[in-house]
């Protein structure tokens, strides 16, 4: 055993508010993920009520009776667990489709902790062990973060990590390509300000590559803090477009001035910004244990993407990682 488990992100199936709400659709997706060689699935925390049936424990209960009911359904589809939940605090759960608290607001600590504990309990009961969070908003909103802002974030995420640790769930900060942490040495400053026992990193290969950061070098430098890996490819670097007002919509969704149709792609050796074999070797050379979640956001053919990714993981990446005998 290597101590590494492989999962697949469900986000590429759920591309429209009413496109993925029936159990038969879920069954097809889960079985496709399973036969592609993955043992887990990653969910996203969202707040669109019944239109996002996996977006909160409440909606899961309405459709599957309980978290235990969903876990039994996953087992029927030959999946072991929900590896992780991805939670963006800016998503509001008090009002459907509303805006949530800002991590830079000191008063946001209590509601963010409460929601984090809610999802940590869910992922633990579903067999997983990681809460992946967006730690701060976008660069265009904040500019480079001040020392006071880093301190506010550190207090928040240290407390979240401490509290969800009580549920045997670890915290992983996800730096996306629009994040304020991409400016200057923001990532290193926040890591230095947080407790390694409570706060880890979620390394997303494509998000880093689009932000102009080499994920292989980044992993080797921060391997001791990486608690979660998300694996996907990219072909374009964002540059100064990340500072465009409302970049979440204009750049990430619409592709910016270059009208980039897709930022993210399946992991392969057929081009792109990322050397996945070098990344797998870096993981093999480390003490990393945990989930590696493969993603293909924006895929027009989710099932095909899952199967292509599964083949590449089983035939190329997994043998590189496992032949080194990573310690459990």
Protein backbone atom coordinates (compact mmCIF):
# COMPACT_ATOMS: atom_id res chain seq x y z
CA UNK A 1 0.00 0.00 0.00
CA UNK A 2 1.24 3.49 -0.83
CA UNK A 3 -1.12 5.49 1.38
CA UNK A 4 -2.44 7.22 -1.75
CA UNK A 5 -6.02 6.89 -2.94
CA UNK A 6 -7.43 8.09 -6.25
CA UNK A 7 -10.72 9.94 -6.68
CA UNK A 8 -12.50 11.85 -9.42
CA UNK A 9 -14.25 15.21 -9.12
CA UNK A 10 -17.97 15.31 -9.82
CA UNK A 11 -17.96 18.98 -10.88
CA UNK A 12 -17.72 18.35 -14.62
CA UNK A 13 -21.07 16.52 -14.62
CA UNK A 14 -22.91 19.31 -12.82
CA UNK A 15 -22.67 22.07 -15.43
CA UNK A 16 -26.22 23.40 -15.39
CA UNK A 17 -28.57 24.16 -12.53
CA UNK A 18 -31.06 21.44 -13.53
CA UNK A 19 -28.82 19.02 -15.42
CA UNK A 20 -27.75 16.67 -12.62
CA UNK A 21 -30.56 16.25 -10.12
CA UNK A 22 -31.87 12.70 -10.64
CA UNK A 23 -30.62 9.53 -9.00
CA UNK A 24 -30.24 7.75 -12.32
CA UNK A 25 -27.85 10.50 -13.48
CA UNK A 26 -25.88 10.14 -10.27
CA UNK A 27 -25.71 6.36 -10.69
CA UNK A 28 -24.35 6.68 -14.23
CA UNK A 29 -21.70 9.16 -13.10
CA UNK A 30 -20.64 7.15 -10.06
CA UNK A 31 -20.40 3.89 -12.01
CA UNK A 32 -18.43 5.60 -14.76
CA UNK A 33 -15.99 6.93 -12.17
CA UNK A 34 -15.69 3.49 -10.58
CA UNK A 35 -15.09 1.52 -13.79
CA UNK A 36 -12.50 4.14 -14.77
CA UNK A 37 -10.41 2.98 -11.82
CA UNK A 38 -11.21 5.50 -9.09
CA UNK A 39 -12.31 4.56 -5.57
CA UNK A 40 -13.70 7.93 -4.48
CA UNK A 41 -15.49 11.03 -5.68
CA UNK A 42 -15.03 14.69 -4.74
CA UNK A 43 -18.06 16.94 -4.11
CA UNK A 44 -18.44 20.72 -4.22
CA UNK A 45 -20.27 22.64 -1.50
CA UNK A 46 -22.85 24.84 -3.20
CA UNK A 47 -26.15 26.43 -2.27
CA UNK A 48 -28.77 26.04 -4.98
CA UNK A 49 -31.19 23.96 -2.94
CA UNK A 50 -32.56 20.83 -4.67
CA UNK A 51 -30.79 21.83 -7.88
CA UNK A 52 -27.50 20.92 -6.18
CA UNK A 53 -28.30 17.60 -4.50
CA UNK A 54 -24.75 17.06 -3.22
CA UNK A 55 -24.18 20.72 -2.31
CA UNK A 56 -25.03 20.33 1.37
CA UNK A 57 -25.79 17.57 3.89
CA UNK A 58 -29.40 18.82 4.05
CA UNK A 59 -29.96 18.26 0.33
CA UNK A 60 -28.30 14.86 0.50
CA UNK A 61 -30.70 13.90 3.27
CA UNK A 62 -33.71 15.02 1.22
CA UNK A 63 -32.72 12.85 -1.76
CA UNK A 64 -30.95 9.90 -0.13
CA UNK A 65 -32.55 9.88 3.31
CA UNK A 66 -29.27 10.46 5.14
CA UNK A 67 -25.53 10.57 4.69
CA UNK A 68 -25.52 6.87 5.49
CA UNK A 69 -28.03 6.35 2.69
CA UNK A 70 -25.76 8.12 0.23
CA UNK A 71 -22.74 6.11 1.36
CA UNK A 72 -24.69 2.91 0.80
CA UNK A 73 -25.63 4.14 -2.68
CA UNK A 74 -21.98 4.89 -3.44
CA UNK A 75 -21.04 1.38 -2.30
CA UNK A 76 -23.64 -0.06 -4.69
CA UNK A 77 -21.80 1.84 -7.43
CA UNK A 78 -18.46 0.34 -6.27
CA UNK A 79 -17.13 3.59 -4.77
CA UNK A 80 -15.60 3.59 -1.29
CA UNK A 81 -15.94 7.20 -0.25
CA UNK A 82 -16.48 10.87 -0.87
CA UNK A 83 -12.82 11.83 -0.69
CA UNK A 84 -13.37 15.50 0.01
CA UNK A 85 -15.63 18.51 -0.10
CA UNK A 86 -14.58 21.75 -1.83
CA UNK A 87 -15.95 24.76 0.06
CA UNK A 88 -15.82 28.42 -0.99
CA UNK A 89 -16.83 30.62 1.97
CA UNK A 90 -18.19 33.25 -0.42
CA UNK A 91 -21.06 30.83 -1.14
CA UNK A 92 -23.94 31.67 1.17
CA UNK A 93 -25.87 28.83 2.79
CA UNK A 94 -28.34 30.90 4.82
CA UNK A 95 -30.10 32.17 1.68
CA UNK A 96 -30.17 30.06 -1.48
CA UNK A 97 -27.76 31.42 -4.09
CA UNK A 98 -26.78 34.19 -1.66
CA UNK A 99 -23.36 35.56 -0.82
CA UNK A 100 -21.44 34.15 2.11
CA UNK A 101 -18.95 35.73 4.52
CA UNK A 102 -15.59 37.18 3.46
CA UNK A 103 -12.60 35.43 5.07
CA UNK A 104 -10.88 38.84 5.39
CA UNK A 105 -13.66 40.05 7.70
CA UNK A 106 -12.73 39.18 11.31
CA UNK A 107 -16.43 38.78 12.10
CA UNK A 108 -16.64 36.00 9.51
CA UNK A 109 -14.75 33.54 11.70
CA UNK A 110 -17.77 32.10 13.52
CA UNK A 111 -20.02 31.44 10.47
CA UNK A 112 -17.14 30.04 8.38
CA UNK A 113 -16.09 27.73 11.22
CA UNK A 114 -19.69 26.54 11.66
CA UNK A 115 -20.13 25.76 7.95
CA UNK A 116 -16.71 24.09 7.77
CA UNK A 117 -17.57 21.82 10.69
CA UNK A 118 -20.86 20.97 8.98
CA UNK A 119 -19.07 19.79 5.83
CA UNK A 120 -16.26 18.13 7.77
CA UNK A 121 -18.80 15.99 9.61
CA UNK A 122 -20.38 15.08 6.27
CA UNK A 123 -17.15 14.11 4.53
CA UNK A 124 -16.03 12.08 7.55
CA UNK A 125 -19.30 10.15 7.60
CA UNK A 126 -18.97 9.59 3.84
CA UNK A 127 -15.57 7.95 4.27
CA UNK A 128 -13.32 10.87 3.31
CA UNK A 129 -10.91 13.01 5.27
CA UNK A 130 -10.33 16.40 3.60
CA UNK A 131 -12.06 19.79 3.45
CA UNK A 132 -10.67 21.85 0.57
CA UNK A 133 -11.33 25.59 1.00
CA UNK A 134 -10.85 28.78 -0.97
CA UNK A 135 -8.94 30.77 1.65
CA UNK A 136 -9.37 34.30 0.25
CA UNK A 137 -11.00 36.16 -2.61
CA UNK A 138 -9.59 37.22 -5.96
CA UNK A 139 -6.56 39.40 -6.63
CA UNK A 140 -8.60 42.06 -8.43
CA UNK A 141 -10.63 42.61 -5.26
CA UNK A 142 -7.79 42.97 -2.76
CA UNK A 143 -4.47 43.57 -4.46
CA UNK A 144 -1.47 42.17 -2.59
CA UNK A 145 -2.44 41.16 0.94
CA UNK A 146 -1.19 43.22 3.88
CA UNK A 147 0.33 41.71 7.01
CA UNK A 148 -2.90 42.44 8.89
CA UNK A 149 -4.92 40.62 6.23
CA UNK A 150 -2.57 37.62 6.34
CA UNK A 151 -2.98 37.62 10.12
CA UNK A 152 -6.78 37.62 9.82
CA UNK A 153 -6.68 34.70 7.39
CA UNK A 154 -4.24 32.79 9.59
CA UNK A 155 -6.46 33.13 12.67
CA UNK A 156 -9.49 31.98 10.70
CA UNK A 157 -7.94 28.94 9.04
CA UNK A 158 -6.01 27.85 12.13
CA UNK A 159 -9.32 27.75 13.99
CA UNK A 160 -11.10 25.95 11.16
CA UNK A 161 -8.30 23.40 10.95
CA UNK A 162 -8.38 22.85 14.69
CA UNK A 163 -12.16 22.39 14.79
CA UNK A 164 -12.49 20.06 11.80
CA UNK A 165 -9.54 18.05 13.09
CA UNK A 166 -11.90 16.96 15.86
CA UNK A 167 -13.81 15.12 13.10
CA UNK A 168 -10.60 13.48 11.77
CA UNK A 169 -10.74 15.78 8.74
CA UNK A 170 -7.80 17.83 7.55
CA UNK A 171 -7.91 21.31 6.07
CA UNK A 172 -6.38 22.05 2.65
CA UNK A 173 -6.15 25.61 1.29
CA UNK A 174 -6.83 25.74 -2.45
CA UNK A 175 -5.05 28.52 -4.39
CA UNK A 176 -6.93 29.15 -7.64
CA UNK A 177 -5.49 31.14 -10.55
CA UNK A 178 -7.43 34.29 -9.61
CA UNK A 179 -6.55 34.16 -5.90
CA UNK A 180 -5.07 37.14 -4.09
CA UNK A 181 -2.43 34.71 -2.81
CA UNK A 182 -0.92 34.55 -6.32
CA UNK A 183 0.43 38.09 -5.86
CA UNK A 184 3.95 38.44 -4.54
CA UNK A 185 4.81 35.90 -1.84
CA UNK A 186 1.26 35.60 -0.55
CA UNK A 187 1.25 31.80 -0.42
CA UNK A 188 4.51 31.58 1.53
CA UNK A 189 3.41 34.30 3.96
CA UNK A 190 0.13 32.58 4.76
CA UNK A 191 1.82 29.22 5.19
CA UNK A 192 4.35 30.77 7.56
CA UNK A 193 1.54 32.35 9.59
CA UNK A 194 -0.50 29.15 9.98
CA UNK A 195 0.03 26.08 12.12
CA UNK A 196 1.23 23.11 10.01
CA UNK A 197 -0.64 20.83 12.39
CA UNK A 198 -3.96 22.40 11.43
CA UNK A 199 -3.53 23.93 7.96
CA UNK A 200 -2.36 22.18 4.81
CA UNK A 201 -2.37 22.93 1.08
CA UNK A 202 -4.49 21.60 -1.72
CA UNK A 203 -2.19 21.56 -4.74
CA UNK A 204 -4.17 21.99 -7.95
CA UNK A 205 -1.77 21.40 -10.85
CA UNK A 206 -3.77 23.35 -13.46
CA UNK A 207 -4.72 26.31 -11.26
CA UNK A 208 -1.06 26.83 -10.40
CA UNK A 209 0.07 26.42 -14.00
CA UNK A 210 -2.50 28.95 -15.27
CA UNK A 211 -1.25 31.34 -12.58
CA UNK A 212 2.29 30.93 -13.95
CA UNK A 213 3.53 28.67 -11.14
CA UNK A 214 5.29 25.38 -11.95
CA UNK A 215 3.36 22.72 -10.00
CA UNK A 216 6.28 20.28 -9.93
CA UNK A 217 8.65 22.80 -8.40
CA UNK A 218 5.88 24.04 -6.11
CA UNK A 219 5.19 20.54 -4.83
CA UNK A 220 8.85 19.81 -4.18
CA UNK A 221 9.15 23.07 -2.23
CA UNK A 222 5.98 22.61 -0.18
CA UNK A 223 5.60 18.83 0.00
CA UNK A 224 5.50 18.91 3.79
CA UNK A 225 2.36 21.10 3.69
CA UNK A 226 0.49 19.42 0.83
CA UNK A 227 -2.56 17.63 2.25
CA UNK A 228 -4.53 17.14 -0.97
CA UNK A 229 -3.79 16.98 -4.71
CA UNK A 230 -6.08 17.89 -7.60
CA UNK A 231 -4.77 16.75 -10.95
CA UNK A 232 -5.74 18.38 -14.24
CA UNK A 233 -4.09 19.96 -17.27
CA UNK A 234 -3.99 23.51 -18.66
CA UNK A 235 -2.83 25.12 -21.90
CA UNK A 236 -2.90 28.88 -21.21
CA UNK A 237 -1.40 31.23 -18.63
CA UNK A 238 -3.67 33.99 -17.34
CA UNK A 239 -1.17 36.86 -16.86
CA UNK A 240 -2.48 40.33 -15.94
CA UNK A 241 -6.02 39.35 -16.94
CA UNK A 242 -6.38 37.97 -13.42
CA UNK A 243 -6.59 41.57 -12.19
CA UNK A 244 -9.56 42.39 -14.43
CA UNK A 245 -12.60 43.53 -12.41
CA UNK A 246 -15.07 40.68 -11.96
CA UNK A 247 -12.49 38.24 -13.31
CA UNK A 248 -14.48 35.28 -11.97
CA UNK A 249 -17.01 35.90 -14.71
CA UNK A 250 -15.13 37.73 -17.45
CA UNK A 251 -11.92 35.66 -17.34
CA UNK A 252 -12.71 32.32 -15.70
CA UNK A 253 -16.15 31.78 -17.23
CA UNK A 254 -16.02 33.76 -20.49
CA UNK A 255 -12.31 33.27 -21.24
CA UNK A 256 -11.22 36.90 -21.05
CA UNK A 257 -10.19 38.97 -24.05
CA UNK A 258 -8.66 35.89 -25.69
CA UNK A 259 -12.01 34.06 -25.40
CA UNK A 260 -10.36 30.93 -24.07
CA UNK A 261 -13.00 28.24 -24.35
CA UNK A 262 -11.57 25.89 -21.70
CA UNK A 263 -8.99 26.60 -19.05
CA UNK A 264 -8.77 22.99 -17.85
CA UNK A 265 -8.26 19.59 -19.47
CA UNK A 266 -7.72 15.93 -18.67
CA UNK A 267 -4.23 14.93 -17.47
CA UNK A 268 -2.34 13.40 -20.41
CA UNK A 269 1.10 13.41 -22.03
CA UNK A 270 -0.28 14.96 -25.22
CA UNK A 271 0.67 18.58 -24.61
CA UNK A 272 -0.25 21.26 -22.13
CA UNK A 273 1.61 23.14 -19.44
CA UNK A 274 2.16 20.28 -17.00
CA UNK A 275 4.66 17.42 -17.03
CA UNK A 276 2.54 14.85 -15.22
CA UNK A 277 5.20 12.16 -15.15
CA UNK A 278 7.59 14.58 -13.46
CA UNK A 279 4.84 15.52 -11.02
CA UNK A 280 4.12 11.85 -10.26
CA UNK A 281 7.84 11.32 -9.65
CA UNK A 282 7.90 14.26 -7.25
CA UNK A 283 5.00 12.70 -5.33
CA UNK A 284 6.80 9.34 -5.34
CA UNK A 285 9.92 10.97 -3.91
CA UNK A 286 7.92 12.54 -1.06
CA UNK A 287 6.11 11.23 2.00
CA UNK A 288 2.73 12.28 0.62
CA UNK A 289 -0.24 10.21 1.74
CA UNK A 290 -3.84 11.08 0.96
CA UNK A 291 -6.16 11.57 -1.99
CA UNK A 292 -5.22 12.50 -5.52
CA UNK A 293 -8.36 13.81 -7.21
CA UNK A 294 -8.45 13.96 -11.00
CA UNK A 295 -10.54 16.76 -12.52
CA UNK A 296 -11.63 17.85 -15.95
CA UNK A 297 -13.64 21.01 -15.31
CA UNK A 298 -15.61 22.26 -18.32
CA UNK A 299 -15.41 18.96 -20.17
CA UNK A 300 -18.16 18.72 -22.81
CA UNK A 301 -18.09 14.89 -22.48
CA UNK A 302 -17.78 14.00 -18.78
CA UNK A 303 -17.90 10.22 -19.12
CA UNK A 304 -15.28 10.19 -21.86
CA UNK A 305 -13.03 12.49 -19.83
CA UNK A 306 -13.31 10.24 -16.78
CA UNK A 307 -12.39 7.14 -18.78
CA UNK A 308 -9.48 8.82 -20.59
CA UNK A 309 -8.19 10.13 -17.26
CA UNK A 310 -8.62 6.74 -15.63
CA UNK A 311 -6.59 5.03 -18.35
CA UNK A 312 -3.78 7.55 -17.98
CA UNK A 313 -3.75 7.21 -14.19
CA UNK A 314 -3.75 3.40 -14.25
CA UNK A 315 -1.23 2.95 -17.08
CA UNK A 316 1.15 5.86 -16.52
CA UNK A 317 0.88 7.82 -13.28
CA UNK A 318 -0.02 5.22 -10.69
CA UNK A 319 2.91 2.92 -11.54
CA UNK A 320 5.34 5.84 -11.14
CA UNK A 321 3.94 6.73 -7.72
CA UNK A 322 3.63 3.18 -6.43
CA UNK A 323 6.92 1.69 -7.53
CA UNK A 324 8.69 4.02 -5.15
CA UNK A 325 6.78 2.56 -2.19
CA UNK A 326 5.54 5.79 -0.65
CA UNK A 327 5.28 5.27 3.08
CA UNK A 328 1.87 5.00 4.73
